[in-house]
Amino acid sequence: MQLGKIVGTIVSTQKDEKLEGIRLHVVKYLDVQCQETGGMVVAVDSVGAGIGEVVLVAAGSAARQTTITQGKPVDTVIMAIVDLVEVHGETRYSK
């Protein structure tokens, strides 16, 4: 799993039929201090997340384990919206 922040949305009118109705977001990766690492990914949204939210993403075969992504051509999924990140007793992010 990787922390990330949603910074954009992808719109595609023509796509594989297995992806119909699935929302795609651009996610910037964050470290545990909630600082951007420079990496980005396009991820399927399985939890109804929105722009600016901090999320958890899973990649690879784990990305196809959610109800929405099972059996679909997906490599990265947003599987949780983060409410709080605490490291060594210090809050790094809070909704």
N, C-alpha and C. Protein backbone atom coordinates (compact mmCIF):
# COMPACT_ATOMS: atom_id res chain seq x y z
N MET A 1 0.84 -1.18 0.00
CA MET A 1 0.00 0.00 0.00
C MET A 1 0.88 1.24 0.00
N GLN A 2 0.33 2.30 -0.56
CA GLN A 2 1.06 3.56 -0.69
C GLN A 2 0.10 4.70 -0.38
N LEU A 3 0.60 5.71 0.36
CA LEU A 3 -0.19 6.92 0.58
C LEU A 3 -0.14 7.78 -0.68
N GLY A 4 -1.22 8.48 -0.95
CA GLY A 4 -1.25 9.38 -2.10
C GLY A 4 -2.28 10.47 -1.91
N LYS A 5 -2.21 11.48 -2.77
CA LYS A 5 -3.18 12.57 -2.76
C LYS A 5 -3.75 12.70 -4.16
N ILE A 6 -5.07 12.76 -4.27
CA ILE A 6 -5.72 12.88 -5.57
C ILE A 6 -5.54 14.31 -6.07
N VAL A 7 -4.95 14.42 -7.27
CA VAL A 7 -4.66 15.74 -7.85
C VAL A 7 -5.37 15.97 -9.18
N GLY A 8 -6.06 14.96 -9.68
CA GLY A 8 -6.73 15.11 -10.95
C GLY A 8 -7.64 13.95 -11.28
N THR A 9 -8.38 14.09 -12.37
CA THR A 9 -9.31 13.07 -12.83
C THR A 9 -9.04 12.80 -14.30
N ILE A 10 -9.20 11.55 -14.69
CA ILE A 10 -9.05 11.15 -16.09
C ILE A 10 -10.45 10.89 -16.66
N VAL A 11 -10.72 11.45 -17.83
CA VAL A 11 -11.99 11.21 -18.51
C VAL A 11 -11.67 10.50 -19.82
N SER A 12 -12.36 9.39 -20.06
CA SER A 12 -12.15 8.61 -21.28
C SER A 12 -13.50 8.14 -21.79
N THR A 13 -13.86 8.61 -22.98
CA THR A 13 -15.16 8.22 -23.54
C THR A 13 -15.11 6.87 -24.23
N GLN A 14 -13.92 6.45 -24.65
CA GLN A 14 -13.76 5.15 -25.28
C GLN A 14 -12.77 4.35 -24.47
N LYS A 15 -13.23 3.22 -23.94
CA LYS A 15 -12.38 2.37 -23.12
C LYS A 15 -12.90 0.95 -23.15
N ASP A 16 -12.12 0.04 -22.63
CA ASP A 16 -12.52 -1.36 -22.53
C ASP A 16 -13.86 -1.44 -21.80
N GLU A 17 -14.74 -2.30 -22.29
CA GLU A 17 -16.08 -2.39 -21.69
C GLU A 17 -16.04 -2.77 -20.20
N LYS A 18 -15.00 -3.44 -19.76
CA LYS A 18 -14.88 -3.79 -18.34
C LYS A 18 -14.61 -2.57 -17.47
N LEU A 19 -14.22 -1.45 -18.09
CA LEU A 19 -13.94 -0.23 -17.34
C LEU A 19 -15.10 0.76 -17.36
N GLU A 20 -16.20 0.40 -18.02
CA GLU A 20 -17.37 1.28 -18.07
C GLU A 20 -17.86 1.57 -16.66
N GLY A 21 -18.14 2.83 -16.38
CA GLY A 21 -18.66 3.23 -15.08
C GLY A 21 -17.63 3.35 -13.98
N ILE A 22 -16.36 3.13 -14.31
CA ILE A 22 -15.29 3.21 -13.32
C ILE A 22 -14.63 4.59 -13.41
N ARG A 23 -14.44 5.23 -12.26
CA ARG A 23 -13.82 6.56 -12.19
C ARG A 23 -12.31 6.42 -12.02
N LEU A 24 -11.57 7.22 -12.77
CA LEU A 24 -10.10 7.20 -12.73
C LEU A 24 -9.57 8.52 -12.19
N HIS A 25 -8.59 8.45 -11.29
CA HIS A 25 -7.98 9.64 -10.70
C HIS A 25 -6.47 9.63 -10.90
N VAL A 26 -5.89 10.82 -10.95
CA VAL A 26 -4.43 10.98 -10.92
C VAL A 26 -4.05 11.14 -9.45
N VAL A 27 -3.13 10.30 -9.00
CA VAL A 27 -2.72 10.30 -7.59
C VAL A 27 -1.23 10.57 -7.50
N LYS A 28 -0.84 11.58 -6.70
CA LYS A 28 0.57 11.85 -6.40
C LYS A 28 0.93 11.08 -5.15
N TYR A 29 2.03 10.33 -5.19
CA TYR A 29 2.46 9.56 -4.04
C TYR A 29 2.98 10.47 -2.93
N LEU A 30 2.73 10.06 -1.68
CA LEU A 30 3.19 10.77 -0.49
C LEU A 30 4.03 9.83 0.37
N ASP A 31 4.99 10.40 1.12
CA ASP A 31 5.71 9.60 2.11
C ASP A 31 4.94 9.64 3.43
N VAL A 32 5.46 9.00 4.49
CA VAL A 32 4.73 8.96 5.76
C VAL A 32 4.68 10.32 6.46
N GLN A 33 5.46 11.27 5.99
CA GLN A 33 5.39 12.64 6.50
C GLN A 33 4.34 13.44 5.73
N CYS A 34 3.69 12.78 4.76
CA CYS A 34 2.67 13.37 3.88
C CYS A 34 3.26 14.43 2.95
N GLN A 35 4.51 14.23 2.58
CA GLN A 35 5.17 15.08 1.59
C GLN A 35 5.19 14.34 0.25
N GLU A 36 4.99 15.07 -0.84
CA GLU A 36 4.99 14.46 -2.16
C GLU A 36 6.36 13.87 -2.48
N THR A 37 6.36 12.67 -3.07
CA THR A 37 7.61 12.00 -3.41
C THR A 37 8.03 12.24 -4.86
N GLY A 38 7.11 12.77 -5.66
CA GLY A 38 7.41 13.01 -7.07
C GLY A 38 6.77 11.99 -7.99
N GLY A 39 6.42 10.82 -7.46
CA GLY A 39 5.77 9.79 -8.28
C GLY A 39 4.29 10.04 -8.42
N MET A 40 3.75 9.61 -9.56
CA MET A 40 2.32 9.74 -9.82
C MET A 40 1.80 8.47 -10.47
N VAL A 41 0.49 8.27 -10.36
CA VAL A 41 -0.13 7.09 -10.96
C VAL A 41 -1.59 7.41 -11.26
N VAL A 42 -2.15 6.71 -12.23
CA VAL A 42 -3.58 6.76 -12.47
C VAL A 42 -4.18 5.55 -11.76
N ALA A 43 -5.21 5.79 -10.95
CA ALA A 43 -5.79 4.71 -10.15
C ALA A 43 -7.31 4.70 -10.27
N VAL A 44 -7.88 3.50 -10.22
CA VAL A 44 -9.33 3.32 -10.19
C VAL A 44 -9.82 3.68 -8.79
N ASP A 45 -10.93 4.41 -8.72
CA ASP A 45 -11.51 4.81 -7.45
C ASP A 45 -12.58 3.80 -7.04
N SER A 46 -12.34 3.06 -5.95
CA SER A 46 -13.32 2.09 -5.48
C SER A 46 -14.06 2.56 -4.23
N VAL A 47 -13.77 3.80 -3.77
CA VAL A 47 -14.36 4.27 -2.51
C VAL A 47 -15.05 5.63 -2.61
N GLY A 48 -15.11 6.24 -3.78
CA GLY A 48 -15.77 7.54 -3.92
C GLY A 48 -14.94 8.71 -3.45
N ALA A 49 -13.64 8.63 -3.64
CA ALA A 49 -12.73 9.71 -3.22
C ALA A 49 -12.80 10.87 -4.21
N GLY A 50 -12.29 12.04 -3.75
CA GLY A 50 -12.32 13.22 -4.61
C GLY A 50 -11.02 13.98 -4.60
N ILE A 51 -10.94 14.99 -5.45
CA ILE A 51 -9.75 15.83 -5.59
C ILE A 51 -9.34 16.39 -4.22
N GLY A 52 -8.04 16.31 -3.94
CA GLY A 52 -7.48 16.86 -2.72
C GLY A 52 -7.46 15.89 -1.54
N GLU A 53 -8.14 14.75 -1.67
CA GLU A 53 -8.16 13.81 -0.54
C GLU A 53 -6.90 12.96 -0.51
N VAL A 54 -6.47 12.62 0.71
CA VAL A 54 -5.37 11.70 0.92
C VAL A 54 -5.97 10.30 0.96
N VAL A 55 -5.35 9.38 0.22
CA VAL A 55 -5.91 8.04 0.03
C VAL A 55 -4.82 6.98 0.18
N LEU A 56 -5.26 5.73 0.30
CA LEU A 56 -4.37 4.58 0.23
C LEU A 56 -4.60 3.91 -1.12
N VAL A 57 -3.52 3.58 -1.80
CA VAL A 57 -3.63 2.87 -3.07
C VAL A 57 -2.89 1.55 -2.98
N ALA A 58 -3.39 0.58 -3.72
CA ALA A 58 -2.74 -0.72 -3.84
C ALA A 58 -2.44 -0.94 -5.32
N ALA A 59 -1.35 -1.64 -5.59
CA ALA A 59 -0.93 -1.86 -6.98
C ALA A 59 -0.70 -3.34 -7.25
N GLY A 60 -0.62 -3.66 -8.53
CA GLY A 60 -0.37 -5.03 -8.94
C GLY A 60 -1.61 -5.90 -8.74
N SER A 61 -1.41 -7.18 -8.46
CA SER A 61 -2.54 -8.10 -8.33
C SER A 61 -3.46 -7.71 -7.17
N ALA A 62 -2.93 -7.04 -6.16
CA ALA A 62 -3.77 -6.59 -5.04
C ALA A 62 -4.82 -5.59 -5.50
N ALA A 63 -4.55 -4.88 -6.58
CA ALA A 63 -5.50 -3.88 -7.09
C ALA A 63 -6.75 -4.52 -7.66
N ARG A 64 -6.70 -5.81 -7.96
CA ARG A 64 -7.86 -6.49 -8.53
C ARG A 64 -8.64 -7.28 -7.48
N GLN A 65 -8.45 -6.95 -6.21
CA GLN A 65 -9.11 -7.67 -5.13
C GLN A 65 -10.33 -6.96 -4.57
N THR A 66 -10.64 -5.74 -5.02
CA THR A 66 -11.83 -5.05 -4.53
C THR A 66 -13.05 -5.52 -5.33
N THR A 67 -14.22 -5.26 -4.80
CA THR A 67 -15.46 -5.64 -5.48
C THR A 67 -15.55 -4.99 -6.86
N ILE A 68 -15.16 -3.73 -6.94
CA ILE A 68 -15.26 -2.97 -8.20
C ILE A 68 -14.24 -3.42 -9.24
N THR A 69 -13.05 -3.83 -8.80
CA THR A 69 -11.96 -4.11 -9.75
C THR A 69 -11.75 -5.59 -10.07
N GLN A 70 -12.43 -6.46 -9.37
CA GLN A 70 -12.23 -7.89 -9.58
C GLN A 70 -12.49 -8.29 -11.03
N GLY A 71 -11.49 -8.95 -11.63
CA GLY A 71 -11.62 -9.42 -13.01
C GLY A 71 -11.50 -8.33 -14.06
N LYS A 72 -11.01 -7.18 -13.68
CA LYS A 72 -10.88 -6.07 -14.62
C LYS A 72 -9.40 -5.76 -14.90
N PRO A 73 -9.10 -5.12 -16.05
CA PRO A 73 -7.71 -4.81 -16.40
C PRO A 73 -7.21 -3.58 -15.63
N VAL A 74 -6.96 -3.77 -14.33
CA VAL A 74 -6.59 -2.69 -13.43
C VAL A 74 -5.28 -3.02 -12.74
N ASP A 75 -4.40 -2.01 -12.62
CA ASP A 75 -3.12 -2.22 -11.96
C ASP A 75 -3.00 -1.41 -10.66
N THR A 76 -3.82 -0.36 -10.48
CA THR A 76 -3.75 0.45 -9.27
C THR A 76 -5.16 0.86 -8.87
N VAL A 77 -5.46 0.75 -7.56
CA VAL A 77 -6.79 1.07 -7.06
C VAL A 77 -6.70 1.93 -5.80
N ILE A 78 -7.60 2.91 -5.70
CA ILE A 78 -7.77 3.67 -4.47
C ILE A 78 -8.72 2.84 -3.62
N MET A 79 -8.22 2.38 -2.45
CA MET A 79 -9.02 1.46 -1.63
C MET A 79 -9.42 2.02 -0.29
N ALA A 80 -8.96 3.24 0.05
CA ALA A 80 -9.34 3.86 1.31
C ALA A 80 -9.10 5.36 1.25
N ILE A 81 -9.97 6.10 1.95
CA ILE A 81 -9.78 7.54 2.14
C ILE A 81 -9.21 7.70 3.54
N VAL A 82 -8.07 8.39 3.65
CA VAL A 82 -7.36 8.52 4.92
C VAL A 82 -7.95 9.65 5.75
N ASP A 83 -8.20 9.37 7.02
CA ASP A 83 -8.68 10.37 7.97
C ASP A 83 -7.54 10.96 8.79
N LEU A 84 -6.53 10.13 9.10
CA LEU A 84 -5.45 10.56 9.98
C LEU A 84 -4.19 9.77 9.68
N VAL A 85 -3.05 10.46 9.66
CA VAL A 85 -1.75 9.81 9.59
C VAL A 85 -0.98 10.25 10.83
N GLU A 86 -0.59 9.29 11.66
CA GLU A 86 0.16 9.59 12.88
C GLU A 86 1.43 8.77 12.86
N VAL A 87 2.57 9.42 13.05
CA VAL A 87 3.88 8.75 13.04
C VAL A 87 4.61 9.13 14.32
N HIS A 88 5.01 8.12 15.10
CA HIS A 88 5.71 8.35 16.37
C HIS A 88 4.95 9.31 17.27
N GLY A 89 3.63 9.17 17.31
CA GLY A 89 2.79 9.98 18.18
C GLY A 89 2.51 11.39 17.67
N GLU A 90 3.02 11.73 16.49
CA GLU A 90 2.79 13.06 15.92
C GLU A 90 1.86 12.96 14.71
N THR A 91 0.86 13.83 14.66
CA THR A 91 -0.06 13.85 13.55
C THR A 91 0.61 14.49 12.34
N ARG A 92 0.66 13.74 11.25
CA ARG A 92 1.24 14.23 9.99
C ARG A 92 0.17 14.72 9.03
N TYR A 93 -1.04 14.16 9.19
CA TYR A 93 -2.17 14.56 8.35
C TYR A 93 -3.44 14.29 9.13
N SER A 94 -4.38 15.19 9.06
CA SER A 94 -5.69 14.99 9.66
C SER A 94 -6.71 15.66 8.76
N LYS A 95 -7.78 14.96 8.50
CA LYS A 95 -8.84 15.47 7.63
C LYS A 95 -9.50 16.68 8.21
